[in-house]
């Protein structure tokens, strides 16, 4: 079955390359707009995390942009989440 794998750049950081997404995918993941957007959202999180891992390895400062939003934990209210941030 096809896989999507996102890692930090293994050509520059051979032993320290982090696997941030390793997911089996199939055409069902693209069958509807909702399923496709969920796959793209997971890819975006993994890509952002890979970029951050590469910056940390290089010692570079983080960019001034907001990361992709992550889903709230089950049972947490919006007000409580906002207060904790």
C-alpha atoms as a PDB file:
ATOM      1  CA  UNK A   1       0.000   0.000   0.000  1.00  0.00           C
ATOM      2  CA  UNK A   2       1.271   3.531  -0.742  1.00  0.00           C
ATOM      3  CA  UNK A   3       2.834   5.510   2.103  1.00  0.00           C
ATOM      4  CA  UNK A   4       3.435   9.153   2.814  1.00  0.00           C
ATOM      5  CA  UNK A   5       6.586   9.763   4.851  1.00  0.00           C
ATOM      6  CA  UNK A   6       7.732  13.186   6.036  1.00  0.00           C
ATOM      7  CA  UNK A   7      11.173  13.457   7.623  1.00  0.00           C
ATOM      8  CA  UNK A   8      13.589  16.187   8.426  1.00  0.00           C
ATOM      9  CA  UNK A   9      16.161  16.327   5.618  1.00  0.00           C
ATOM     10  CA  UNK A  10      18.098  13.045   5.899  1.00  0.00           C
ATOM     11  CA  UNK A  11      20.744  14.218   3.413  1.00  0.00           C
ATOM     12  CA  UNK A  12      22.002  16.859   5.848  1.00  0.00           C
ATOM     13  CA  UNK A  13      21.274  15.156   9.176  1.00  0.00           C
ATOM     14  CA  UNK A  14      21.733  11.480   8.427  1.00  0.00           C
ATOM     15  CA  UNK A  15      21.515   9.978  11.889  1.00  0.00           C
ATOM     16  CA  UNK A  16      19.278  12.643  13.361  1.00  0.00           C
ATOM     17  CA  UNK A  17      16.551  12.721  10.717  1.00  0.00           C
ATOM     18  CA  UNK A  18      13.203  12.581  12.480  1.00  0.00           C
ATOM     19  CA  UNK A  19      10.247  10.772  10.941  1.00  0.00           C
ATOM     20  CA  UNK A  20       7.339  13.123  11.584  1.00  0.00           C
ATOM     21  CA  UNK A  21       4.672  11.359   9.553  1.00  0.00           C
ATOM     22  CA  UNK A  22       4.591   7.772   8.310  1.00  0.00           C
ATOM     23  CA  UNK A  23       1.116   6.941   7.103  1.00  0.00           C
ATOM     24  CA  UNK A  24      -0.378   4.407   4.747  1.00  0.00           C
ATOM     25  CA  UNK A  25      -2.641   6.136   2.254  1.00  0.00           C
ATOM     26  CA  UNK A  26      -5.085   5.026  -0.391  1.00  0.00           C
ATOM     27  CA  UNK A  27      -7.417   6.637  -2.889  1.00  0.00           C
ATOM     28  CA  UNK A  28     -10.132   6.757  -0.190  1.00  0.00           C
ATOM     29  CA  UNK A  29      -8.087   9.546   1.450  1.00  0.00           C
ATOM     30  CA  UNK A  30      -8.833  11.684  -1.611  1.00  0.00           C
ATOM     31  CA  UNK A  31     -12.395  10.478  -2.231  1.00  0.00           C
ATOM     32  CA  UNK A  32     -14.074  13.420  -0.529  1.00  0.00           C
ATOM     33  CA  UNK A  33     -13.169  16.996   0.244  1.00  0.00           C
ATOM     34  CA  UNK A  34     -13.327  16.300   3.969  1.00  0.00           C
ATOM     35  CA  UNK A  35     -11.013  13.269   3.851  1.00  0.00           C
ATOM     36  CA  UNK A  36      -8.577  15.073   1.533  1.00  0.00           C
ATOM     37  CA  UNK A  37      -8.483  18.158   3.757  1.00  0.00           C
ATOM     38  CA  UNK A  38      -7.732  15.985   6.796  1.00  0.00           C
ATOM     39  CA  UNK A  39      -4.813  14.352   4.956  1.00  0.00           C
ATOM     40  CA  UNK A  40      -3.497  17.755   3.867  1.00  0.00           C
ATOM     41  CA  UNK A  41      -3.831  19.034   7.441  1.00  0.00           C
ATOM     42  CA  UNK A  42      -1.751  16.123   8.774  1.00  0.00           C
ATOM     43  CA  UNK A  43       0.830  16.756   6.054  1.00  0.00           C
ATOM     44  CA  UNK A  44       0.976  20.454   6.987  1.00  0.00           C
ATOM     45  CA  UNK A  45       1.612  19.617  10.655  1.00  0.00           C
ATOM     46  CA  UNK A  46       4.368  17.166   9.734  1.00  0.00           C
ATOM     47  CA  UNK A  47       5.990  19.602   7.298  1.00  0.00           C
ATOM     48  CA  UNK A  48       5.953  22.392   9.906  1.00  0.00           C
ATOM     49  CA  UNK A  49       7.448  20.017  12.482  1.00  0.00           C
ATOM     50  CA  UNK A  50      10.146  18.890  10.000  1.00  0.00           C
ATOM     51  CA  UNK A  51      11.087  22.494   9.255  1.00  0.00           C
ATOM     52  CA  UNK A  52      11.311  23.205  12.970  1.00  0.00           C
ATOM     53  CA  UNK A  53      13.504  20.133  13.526  1.00  0.00           C
ATOM     54  CA  UNK A  54      15.841  21.252  10.733  1.00  0.00           C
ATOM     55  CA  UNK A  55      16.048  24.782  12.165  1.00  0.00           C
ATOM     56  CA  UNK A  56      16.878  23.378  15.592  1.00  0.00           C
ATOM     57  CA  UNK A  57      19.628  21.200  14.088  1.00  0.00           C
ATOM     58  CA  UNK A  58      21.050  24.227  12.262  1.00  0.00           C
ATOM     59  CA  UNK A  59      20.697  26.477  15.310  1.00  0.00           C
ATOM     60  CA  UNK A  60      18.563  28.936  13.355  1.00  0.00           C
ATOM     61  CA  UNK A  61      15.851  31.021  15.042  1.00  0.00           C
ATOM     62  CA  UNK A  62      12.202  30.132  14.478  1.00  0.00           C
ATOM     63  CA  UNK A  63      10.329  32.215  11.890  1.00  0.00           C
ATOM     64  CA  UNK A  64       7.671  34.695  12.974  1.00  0.00           C
ATOM     65  CA  UNK A  65       4.632  32.861  11.626  1.00  0.00           C
ATOM     66  CA  UNK A  66       1.853  31.023  13.362  1.00  0.00           C
ATOM     67  CA  UNK A  67       1.984  27.213  13.131  1.00  0.00           C
ATOM     68  CA  UNK A  68      -0.898  25.268  11.588  1.00  0.00           C
ATOM     69  CA  UNK A  69      -3.681  24.884  14.160  1.00  0.00           C
ATOM     70  CA  UNK A  70      -3.871  21.528  15.927  1.00  0.00           C
ATOM     71  CA  UNK A  71      -7.139  19.948  17.035  1.00  0.00           C
ATOM     72  CA  UNK A  72      -8.219  20.534  20.613  1.00  0.00           C
ATOM     73  CA  UNK A  73      -8.061  17.641  23.033  1.00  0.00           C
ATOM     74  CA  UNK A  74     -11.406  15.954  23.586  1.00  0.00           C
ATOM     75  CA  UNK A  75     -13.346  17.472  26.439  1.00  0.00           C
ATOM     76  CA  UNK A  76     -11.502  20.805  26.509  1.00  0.00           C
ATOM     77  CA  UNK A  77     -13.543  23.927  26.070  1.00  0.00           C
ATOM     78  CA  UNK A  78     -12.445  26.788  23.857  1.00  0.00           C
ATOM     79  CA  UNK A  79     -12.355  29.200  26.775  1.00  0.00           C
ATOM     80  CA  UNK A  80     -10.138  26.906  28.830  1.00  0.00           C
ATOM     81  CA  UNK A  81      -7.803  26.329  25.856  1.00  0.00           C
ATOM     82  CA  UNK A  82      -7.503  30.066  25.228  1.00  0.00           C
ATOM     83  CA  UNK A  83      -6.804  30.757  28.897  1.00  0.00           C
ATOM     84  CA  UNK A  84      -4.059  28.128  28.985  1.00  0.00           C
ATOM     85  CA  UNK A  85      -2.290  29.623  25.941  1.00  0.00           C
END
